[in-house]
Amino acid sequence: MSITTSLVKDFMTPNPVVIQPTESVEAAIQLMEERRISGLPVTDEQGKVVGILSEGDLLVRESPVQPPLYMTLLGSIIYFESPLHFHQHMKKALGMFVQDAMTENPVTISPNALLADAAHLMLEKKVNRLPVVDEHQKLVGILTRHDLLFALKP
C-alpha cells in the first residue's frame, strides 16, 4: 500500500482513549502514564471533540512564565507581543482541569482522507496526532505520527 492512495481509516486507532474536559489534570496524567500515550482527545458528553491534551500542554505547567514585553508611552501601554499568549500560558500553568490545560479547536481529519493529506496536515500544523472525526464531529479514531510511519513500511 502507498501513503498516497491509503486512507486514514485503514491506519487510525479506532475508539481511542479519551478524557472529558471536566476531569482533573492529575487524572489525565495518570491515564496517559497507565496507557503509555502522549496525548488524549478531549470529548464532550456527546462524543464530539472539543480539544486535545498533549504532553506539551502539560509541560507548560512546569515552564517559567514570561510576561509580554511592553513599554509605556504617555500613559499608554504598548505591547510588543500579544498578551493573549501570556494569558493562555497562565491558564494552562495554573489550571486544575483538563479544559484549562487542553488545546482547544484541535486540527481534525476525516476517516476517508488520504494518508498523504494527513501527513501534510501534521507537518503544516506541527501536531503529532489528529483526532479522526465523522461528519458530525464525533470522534471515531486517532491518527498519530507513529501510524504514518507504520504505513510507510514496505
N, C-alpha and C. Protein backbone atom coordinates (compact mmCIF):
# COMPACT_ATOMS: atom_id res chain seq x y z
N MET A 1 0.82 -1.19 0.00
CA MET A 1 0.00 0.00 0.00
C MET A 1 0.87 1.25 0.00
N SER A 2 0.37 2.28 -0.62
CA SER A 2 1.11 3.54 -0.71
C SER A 2 0.43 4.59 0.16
N ILE A 3 1.23 5.45 0.73
CA ILE A 3 0.68 6.52 1.57
C ILE A 3 -0.15 7.49 0.74
N THR A 4 0.13 7.55 -0.56
CA THR A 4 -0.61 8.48 -1.42
C THR A 4 -1.97 7.95 -1.82
N THR A 5 -2.20 6.64 -1.65
CA THR A 5 -3.51 6.07 -2.00
C THR A 5 -4.24 5.48 -0.81
N SER A 6 -3.57 5.34 0.33
CA SER A 6 -4.18 4.76 1.52
C SER A 6 -5.05 5.80 2.23
N LEU A 7 -6.05 5.30 2.94
CA LEU A 7 -6.96 6.17 3.67
C LEU A 7 -6.65 6.17 5.16
N VAL A 8 -7.00 7.25 5.82
CA VAL A 8 -6.80 7.40 7.26
C VAL A 8 -7.44 6.25 8.01
N LYS A 9 -8.66 5.85 7.62
CA LYS A 9 -9.40 4.82 8.36
C LYS A 9 -8.69 3.48 8.38
N ASP A 10 -7.79 3.26 7.43
CA ASP A 10 -7.06 1.98 7.36
C ASP A 10 -5.88 1.93 8.33
N PHE A 11 -5.45 3.07 8.87
CA PHE A 11 -4.28 3.10 9.75
C PHE A 11 -4.53 3.78 11.09
N MET A 12 -5.69 4.38 11.27
CA MET A 12 -6.01 5.04 12.54
C MET A 12 -6.26 4.00 13.63
N THR A 13 -6.19 4.45 14.87
CA THR A 13 -6.58 3.63 16.01
C THR A 13 -8.04 3.95 16.30
N PRO A 14 -8.94 2.97 16.12
CA PRO A 14 -10.35 3.25 16.39
C PRO A 14 -10.62 3.29 17.89
N ASN A 15 -11.66 4.00 18.27
CA ASN A 15 -12.09 4.10 19.66
C ASN A 15 -10.94 4.41 20.61
N PRO A 16 -10.26 5.53 20.40
CA PRO A 16 -9.12 5.84 21.26
C PRO A 16 -9.53 6.19 22.69
N VAL A 17 -8.55 6.15 23.57
CA VAL A 17 -8.74 6.58 24.96
C VAL A 17 -9.03 8.08 24.93
N VAL A 18 -10.05 8.50 25.66
CA VAL A 18 -10.43 9.92 25.69
C VAL A 18 -10.56 10.38 27.13
N ILE A 19 -10.70 11.67 27.27
CA ILE A 19 -10.95 12.26 28.59
C ILE A 19 -11.94 13.41 28.41
N GLN A 20 -12.68 13.69 29.46
CA GLN A 20 -13.67 14.77 29.44
C GLN A 20 -13.01 16.06 29.93
N PRO A 21 -13.49 17.20 29.48
CA PRO A 21 -12.89 18.49 29.88
C PRO A 21 -12.96 18.78 31.37
N THR A 22 -13.92 18.17 32.07
CA THR A 22 -14.10 18.45 33.50
C THR A 22 -13.27 17.54 34.40
N GLU A 23 -12.53 16.60 33.82
CA GLU A 23 -11.64 15.74 34.61
C GLU A 23 -10.45 16.56 35.09
N SER A 24 -9.82 16.10 36.14
CA SER A 24 -8.65 16.81 36.67
C SER A 24 -7.42 16.55 35.81
N VAL A 25 -6.50 17.48 35.85
CA VAL A 25 -5.23 17.31 35.14
C VAL A 25 -4.49 16.09 35.68
N GLU A 26 -4.57 15.88 36.97
CA GLU A 26 -3.90 14.73 37.59
C GLU A 26 -4.46 13.42 37.04
N ALA A 27 -5.78 13.34 36.85
CA ALA A 27 -6.40 12.15 36.28
C ALA A 27 -5.92 11.92 34.85
N ALA A 28 -5.76 13.01 34.10
CA ALA A 28 -5.27 12.90 32.73
C ALA A 28 -3.83 12.38 32.70
N ILE A 29 -2.99 12.90 33.58
CA ILE A 29 -1.60 12.45 33.64
C ILE A 29 -1.54 10.97 33.99
N GLN A 30 -2.33 10.57 34.96
CA GLN A 30 -2.35 9.16 35.37
C GLN A 30 -2.81 8.27 34.22
N LEU A 31 -3.84 8.70 33.50
CA LEU A 31 -4.36 7.93 32.37
C LEU A 31 -3.31 7.80 31.25
N MET A 32 -2.61 8.89 30.98
CA MET A 32 -1.58 8.87 29.94
C MET A 32 -0.43 7.95 30.34
N GLU A 33 -0.06 7.97 31.62
CA GLU A 33 1.00 7.09 32.09
C GLU A 33 0.58 5.62 32.03
N GLU A 34 -0.63 5.32 32.50
CA GLU A 34 -1.12 3.94 32.50
C GLU A 34 -1.21 3.37 31.09
N ARG A 35 -1.68 4.17 30.16
CA ARG A 35 -1.88 3.71 28.79
C ARG A 35 -0.65 3.92 27.91
N ARG A 36 0.36 4.58 28.48
CA ARG A 36 1.60 4.86 27.74
C ARG A 36 1.32 5.59 26.42
N ILE A 37 0.56 6.67 26.55
CA ILE A 37 0.25 7.50 25.40
C ILE A 37 0.66 8.94 25.69
N SER A 38 0.91 9.69 24.65
CA SER A 38 1.42 11.05 24.83
C SER A 38 0.38 12.14 24.60
N GLY A 39 -0.85 11.73 24.33
CA GLY A 39 -1.89 12.72 24.13
C GLY A 39 -3.26 12.08 24.18
N LEU A 40 -4.25 12.89 24.52
CA LEU A 40 -5.63 12.42 24.65
C LEU A 40 -6.59 13.36 23.94
N PRO A 41 -7.48 12.82 23.12
CA PRO A 41 -8.57 13.65 22.63
C PRO A 41 -9.50 13.99 23.80
N VAL A 42 -10.01 15.19 23.81
CA VAL A 42 -10.94 15.63 24.84
C VAL A 42 -12.31 15.72 24.18
N THR A 43 -13.28 14.98 24.73
CA THR A 43 -14.61 14.94 24.13
C THR A 43 -15.66 15.37 25.13
N ASP A 44 -16.76 15.90 24.60
CA ASP A 44 -17.89 16.25 25.46
C ASP A 44 -18.78 15.03 25.66
N GLU A 45 -19.91 15.21 26.31
CA GLU A 45 -20.81 14.10 26.62
C GLU A 45 -21.36 13.42 25.37
N GLN A 46 -21.44 14.14 24.26
CA GLN A 46 -21.95 13.57 23.01
C GLN A 46 -20.87 12.92 22.17
N GLY A 47 -19.62 12.94 22.65
CA GLY A 47 -18.53 12.33 21.90
C GLY A 47 -17.90 13.24 20.87
N LYS A 48 -18.24 14.52 20.90
CA LYS A 48 -17.65 15.48 19.97
C LYS A 48 -16.31 15.96 20.51
N VAL A 49 -15.36 16.13 19.61
CA VAL A 49 -14.02 16.58 20.00
C VAL A 49 -14.06 18.07 20.32
N VAL A 50 -13.63 18.41 21.54
CA VAL A 50 -13.60 19.82 21.96
C VAL A 50 -12.17 20.30 22.22
N GLY A 51 -11.22 19.35 22.22
CA GLY A 51 -9.83 19.72 22.46
C GLY A 51 -8.93 18.52 22.38
N ILE A 52 -7.66 18.78 22.61
CA ILE A 52 -6.67 17.70 22.70
C ILE A 52 -5.71 18.07 23.81
N LEU A 53 -5.32 17.08 24.58
CA LEU A 53 -4.39 17.31 25.68
C LEU A 53 -3.13 16.51 25.38
N SER A 54 -2.01 17.21 25.25
CA SER A 54 -0.75 16.55 24.92
C SER A 54 0.26 16.74 26.04
N GLU A 55 1.34 15.99 25.95
CA GLU A 55 2.42 16.17 26.92
C GLU A 55 2.90 17.62 26.91
N GLY A 56 2.95 18.21 25.74
CA GLY A 56 3.37 19.61 25.63
C GLY A 56 2.48 20.54 26.42
N ASP A 57 1.17 20.29 26.37
CA ASP A 57 0.24 21.12 27.15
C ASP A 57 0.51 20.98 28.64
N LEU A 58 0.86 19.78 29.06
CA LEU A 58 1.12 19.53 30.48
C LEU A 58 2.47 20.07 30.92
N LEU A 59 3.45 20.06 30.03
CA LEU A 59 4.78 20.57 30.37
C LEU A 59 4.79 22.08 30.56
N VAL A 60 3.82 22.76 29.96
CA VAL A 60 3.70 24.21 30.14
C VAL A 60 3.59 24.55 31.62
N ARG A 61 2.98 23.64 32.39
CA ARG A 61 2.80 23.87 33.82
C ARG A 61 4.12 24.03 34.56
N GLU A 62 5.18 23.46 34.01
CA GLU A 62 6.49 23.49 34.67
C GLU A 62 7.44 24.53 34.07
N SER A 63 7.03 25.17 32.99
CA SER A 63 7.92 26.15 32.37
C SER A 63 7.72 27.53 32.99
N PRO A 64 8.77 28.32 33.01
CA PRO A 64 8.64 29.66 33.61
C PRO A 64 7.72 30.55 32.78
N VAL A 65 6.98 31.38 33.46
CA VAL A 65 6.05 32.29 32.80
C VAL A 65 6.79 33.58 32.46
N GLN A 66 6.69 33.98 31.21
CA GLN A 66 7.32 35.22 30.76
C GLN A 66 6.22 36.22 30.40
N PRO A 67 6.10 37.30 31.16
CA PRO A 67 5.08 38.29 30.79
C PRO A 67 5.45 38.93 29.45
N PRO A 68 4.44 39.41 28.72
CA PRO A 68 4.73 40.02 27.42
C PRO A 68 5.56 41.30 27.56
N LEU A 69 6.44 41.52 26.60
CA LEU A 69 7.23 42.74 26.59
C LEU A 69 6.33 43.93 26.25
N TYR A 70 6.55 45.03 26.95
CA TYR A 70 5.75 46.22 26.70
C TYR A 70 6.56 47.45 27.08
N MET A 71 6.04 48.59 26.68
CA MET A 71 6.61 49.86 27.14
C MET A 71 5.45 50.82 27.36
N THR A 72 5.70 51.79 28.17
CA THR A 72 4.68 52.81 28.40
C THR A 72 5.10 54.08 27.69
N LEU A 73 4.12 54.71 27.10
CA LEU A 73 4.37 55.95 26.37
C LEU A 73 3.18 56.88 26.61
N LEU A 74 3.45 57.98 27.25
CA LEU A 74 2.42 58.97 27.54
C LEU A 74 1.22 58.36 28.26
N GLY A 75 1.50 57.46 29.21
CA GLY A 75 0.44 56.83 29.99
C GLY A 75 -0.23 55.65 29.33
N SER A 76 0.18 55.30 28.12
CA SER A 76 -0.40 54.15 27.42
C SER A 76 0.58 52.99 27.46
N ILE A 77 0.03 51.79 27.43
CA ILE A 77 0.87 50.59 27.38
C ILE A 77 0.89 50.08 25.94
N ILE A 78 2.09 49.89 25.43
CA ILE A 78 2.26 49.36 24.08
C ILE A 78 2.92 47.99 24.21
N TYR A 79 2.20 46.96 23.78
CA TYR A 79 2.72 45.59 23.85
C TYR A 79 3.50 45.27 22.58
N PHE A 80 4.65 44.59 22.74
CA PHE A 80 5.45 44.17 21.60
C PHE A 80 5.05 42.77 21.13
N GLU A 81 4.27 42.09 21.95
CA GLU A 81 3.73 40.79 21.58
C GLU A 81 2.36 40.68 22.22
N SER A 82 1.58 39.75 21.75
CA SER A 82 0.21 39.63 22.22
C SER A 82 0.13 39.19 23.68
N PRO A 83 -0.62 39.91 24.51
CA PRO A 83 -0.84 39.46 25.88
C PRO A 83 -1.69 38.18 25.93
N LEU A 84 -2.37 37.86 24.83
CA LEU A 84 -3.19 36.66 24.77
C LEU A 84 -2.36 35.41 25.01
N HIS A 85 -1.16 35.34 24.44
CA HIS A 85 -0.28 34.18 24.64
C HIS A 85 0.06 34.04 26.13
N PHE A 86 0.33 35.14 26.77
CA PHE A 86 0.64 35.14 28.21
C PHE A 86 -0.56 34.61 29.01
N HIS A 87 -1.75 35.08 28.69
CA HIS A 87 -2.95 34.64 29.39
C HIS A 87 -3.21 33.15 29.17
N GLN A 88 -2.99 32.66 27.94
CA GLN A 88 -3.16 31.23 27.65
C GLN A 88 -2.16 30.40 28.45
N HIS A 89 -0.92 30.87 28.51
CA HIS A 89 0.12 30.17 29.26
C HIS A 89 -0.26 30.10 30.74
N MET A 90 -0.74 31.20 31.29
CA MET A 90 -1.13 31.23 32.69
C MET A 90 -2.29 30.28 32.96
N LYS A 91 -3.26 30.24 32.05
CA LYS A 91 -4.41 29.36 32.21
C LYS A 91 -3.96 27.91 32.26
N LYS A 92 -3.07 27.53 31.34
CA LYS A 92 -2.55 26.16 31.32
C LYS A 92 -1.71 25.86 32.55
N ALA A 93 -0.90 26.80 32.95
CA ALA A 93 0.02 26.58 34.07
C ALA A 93 -0.72 26.46 35.40
N LEU A 94 -1.79 27.20 35.57
CA LEU A 94 -2.48 27.22 36.85
C LEU A 94 -3.75 26.39 36.88
N GLY A 95 -4.17 25.88 35.71
CA GLY A 95 -5.43 25.16 35.62
C GLY A 95 -5.43 23.84 36.37
N MET A 96 -6.58 23.49 36.90
CA MET A 96 -6.74 22.24 37.65
C MET A 96 -7.47 21.19 36.81
N PHE A 97 -8.13 21.63 35.75
CA PHE A 97 -8.96 20.73 34.97
C PHE A 97 -8.41 20.62 33.54
N VAL A 98 -8.79 19.54 32.88
CA VAL A 98 -8.36 19.30 31.50
C VAL A 98 -8.73 20.48 30.61
N GLN A 99 -9.92 21.04 30.80
CA GLN A 99 -10.37 22.16 29.96
C GLN A 99 -9.45 23.38 30.09
N ASP A 100 -8.72 23.48 31.20
CA ASP A 100 -7.79 24.59 31.38
C ASP A 100 -6.48 24.36 30.64
N ALA A 101 -6.05 23.11 30.57
CA ALA A 101 -4.73 22.79 30.01
C ALA A 101 -4.77 22.38 28.55
N MET A 102 -5.93 21.93 28.06
CA MET A 102 -6.02 21.38 26.70
C MET A 102 -5.86 22.47 25.64
N THR A 103 -5.55 22.02 24.44
CA THR A 103 -5.56 22.89 23.27
C THR A 103 -6.95 22.80 22.67
N GLU A 104 -7.62 23.93 22.60
CA GLU A 104 -8.98 23.96 22.05
C GLU A 104 -8.95 23.95 20.53
N ASN A 105 -10.07 23.57 19.94
CA ASN A 105 -10.24 23.54 18.49
C ASN A 105 -9.08 22.82 17.79
N PRO A 106 -8.86 21.56 18.13
CA PRO A 106 -7.73 20.86 17.53
C PRO A 106 -7.95 20.60 16.03
N VAL A 107 -6.86 20.40 15.35
CA VAL A 107 -6.91 20.03 13.94
C VAL A 107 -7.43 18.59 13.88
N THR A 108 -8.44 18.36 13.06
CA THR A 108 -9.03 17.03 12.91
C THR A 108 -8.99 16.60 11.45
N ILE A 109 -9.33 15.34 11.22
CA ILE A 109 -9.33 14.82 9.85
C ILE A 109 -10.45 13.79 9.71
N SER A 110 -10.88 13.59 8.51
CA SER A 110 -11.94 12.62 8.19
C SER A 110 -11.33 11.23 8.02
N PRO A 111 -12.08 10.18 8.35
CA PRO A 111 -11.55 8.82 8.15
C PRO A 111 -11.33 8.49 6.68
N ASN A 112 -12.00 9.22 5.78
CA ASN A 112 -11.86 8.94 4.35
C ASN A 112 -10.81 9.80 3.66
N ALA A 113 -10.07 10.58 4.44
CA ALA A 113 -8.99 11.41 3.88
C ALA A 113 -7.80 10.52 3.53
N LEU A 114 -7.00 10.99 2.60
CA LEU A 114 -5.78 10.27 2.23
C LEU A 114 -4.72 10.43 3.32
N LEU A 115 -3.93 9.38 3.52
CA LEU A 115 -2.83 9.46 4.49
C LEU A 115 -1.85 10.56 4.12
N ALA A 116 -1.64 10.75 2.85
CA ALA A 116 -0.72 11.81 2.40
C ALA A 116 -1.22 13.17 2.87
N ASP A 117 -2.53 13.38 2.81
CA ASP A 117 -3.10 14.64 3.29
C ASP A 117 -2.93 14.77 4.81
N ALA A 118 -3.09 13.66 5.52
CA ALA A 118 -2.89 13.67 6.97
C ALA A 118 -1.45 14.02 7.31
N ALA A 119 -0.51 13.43 6.60
CA ALA A 119 0.91 13.71 6.84
C ALA A 119 1.21 15.19 6.58
N HIS A 120 0.68 15.70 5.50
CA HIS A 120 0.90 17.12 5.17
C HIS A 120 0.31 18.02 6.26
N LEU A 121 -0.89 17.68 6.73
CA LEU A 121 -1.55 18.46 7.77
C LEU A 121 -0.75 18.45 9.07
N MET A 122 -0.23 17.27 9.44
CA MET A 122 0.56 17.17 10.67
C MET A 122 1.82 18.03 10.58
N LEU A 123 2.47 18.01 9.43
CA LEU A 123 3.68 18.81 9.27
C LEU A 123 3.36 20.29 9.24
N GLU A 124 2.33 20.66 8.51
CA GLU A 124 1.95 22.07 8.37
C GLU A 124 1.51 22.67 9.70
N LYS A 125 0.72 21.93 10.46
CA LYS A 125 0.19 22.44 11.73
C LYS A 125 1.07 22.11 12.93
N LYS A 126 2.14 21.35 12.69
CA LYS A 126 3.09 20.97 13.74
C LYS A 126 2.39 20.24 14.89
N VAL A 127 1.62 19.21 14.53
CA VAL A 127 0.94 18.38 15.52
C VAL A 127 1.40 16.93 15.38
N ASN A 128 1.33 16.18 16.45
CA ASN A 128 1.77 14.79 16.46
C ASN A 128 0.64 13.79 16.32
N ARG A 129 -0.58 14.26 16.45
CA ARG A 129 -1.74 13.37 16.36
C ARG A 129 -2.92 14.14 15.80
N LEU A 130 -3.79 13.42 15.11
CA LEU A 130 -5.00 14.02 14.57
C LEU A 130 -6.21 13.22 15.04
N PRO A 131 -7.13 13.84 15.75
CA PRO A 131 -8.39 13.15 16.03
C PRO A 131 -9.12 12.93 14.70
N VAL A 132 -9.65 11.73 14.54
CA VAL A 132 -10.39 11.39 13.32
C VAL A 132 -11.87 11.50 13.67
N VAL A 133 -12.58 12.36 12.95
CA VAL A 133 -13.99 12.64 13.27
C VAL A 133 -14.89 12.36 12.08
N ASP A 134 -16.15 12.00 12.39
CA ASP A 134 -17.13 11.79 11.33
C ASP A 134 -17.75 13.13 10.94
N GLU A 135 -18.78 13.07 10.12
CA GLU A 135 -19.39 14.31 9.60
C GLU A 135 -20.09 15.12 10.69
N HIS A 136 -20.33 14.52 11.87
CA HIS A 136 -20.96 15.22 12.99
C HIS A 136 -19.93 15.67 14.03
N GLN A 137 -18.66 15.58 13.69
CA GLN A 137 -17.53 15.94 14.56
C GLN A 137 -17.39 15.01 15.76
N LYS A 138 -17.98 13.82 15.66
CA LYS A 138 -17.81 12.82 16.72
C LYS A 138 -16.54 12.02 16.47
N LEU A 139 -15.84 11.75 17.54
CA LEU A 139 -14.57 11.04 17.46
C LEU A 139 -14.79 9.58 17.05
N VAL A 140 -14.05 9.15 16.02
CA VAL A 140 -14.11 7.74 15.60
C VAL A 140 -12.74 7.07 15.67
N GLY A 141 -11.69 7.88 15.85
CA GLY A 141 -10.34 7.31 15.93
C GLY A 141 -9.31 8.39 16.13
N ILE A 142 -8.06 7.95 16.13
CA ILE A 142 -6.94 8.90 16.22
C ILE A 142 -5.83 8.40 15.31
N LEU A 143 -5.17 9.33 14.66
CA LEU A 143 -4.05 9.00 13.78
C LEU A 143 -2.82 9.72 14.32
N THR A 144 -1.75 8.96 14.56
CA THR A 144 -0.52 9.53 15.11
C THR A 144 0.60 9.46 14.08
N ARG A 145 1.68 10.15 14.38
CA ARG A 145 2.86 10.06 13.51
C ARG A 145 3.38 8.64 13.44
N HIS A 146 3.26 7.91 14.54
CA HIS A 146 3.67 6.51 14.55
C HIS A 146 2.85 5.70 13.52
N ASP A 147 1.56 5.98 13.44
CA ASP A 147 0.70 5.29 12.46
C ASP A 147 1.16 5.59 11.04
N LEU A 148 1.59 6.82 10.80
CA LEU A 148 2.07 7.18 9.47
C LEU A 148 3.38 6.45 9.14
N LEU A 149 4.25 6.34 10.13
CA LEU A 149 5.49 5.60 9.90
C LEU A 149 5.21 4.13 9.61
N PHE A 150 4.22 3.57 10.31
CA PHE A 150 3.83 2.19 10.07
C PHE A 150 3.32 2.02 8.63
N ALA A 151 2.60 3.02 8.14
CA ALA A 151 2.07 2.97 6.78
C ALA A 151 3.17 3.03 5.73
N LEU A 152 4.31 3.62 6.08
CA LEU A 152 5.43 3.75 5.13
C LEU A 152 6.24 2.46 4.99
N LYS A 153 6.05 1.52 5.93
CA LYS A 153 6.81 0.28 5.87
C LYS A 153 6.52 -0.46 4.57
N PRO A 154 7.57 -0.99 3.94
CA PRO A 154 7.34 -1.73 2.68
C PRO A 154 6.67 -3.06 2.93
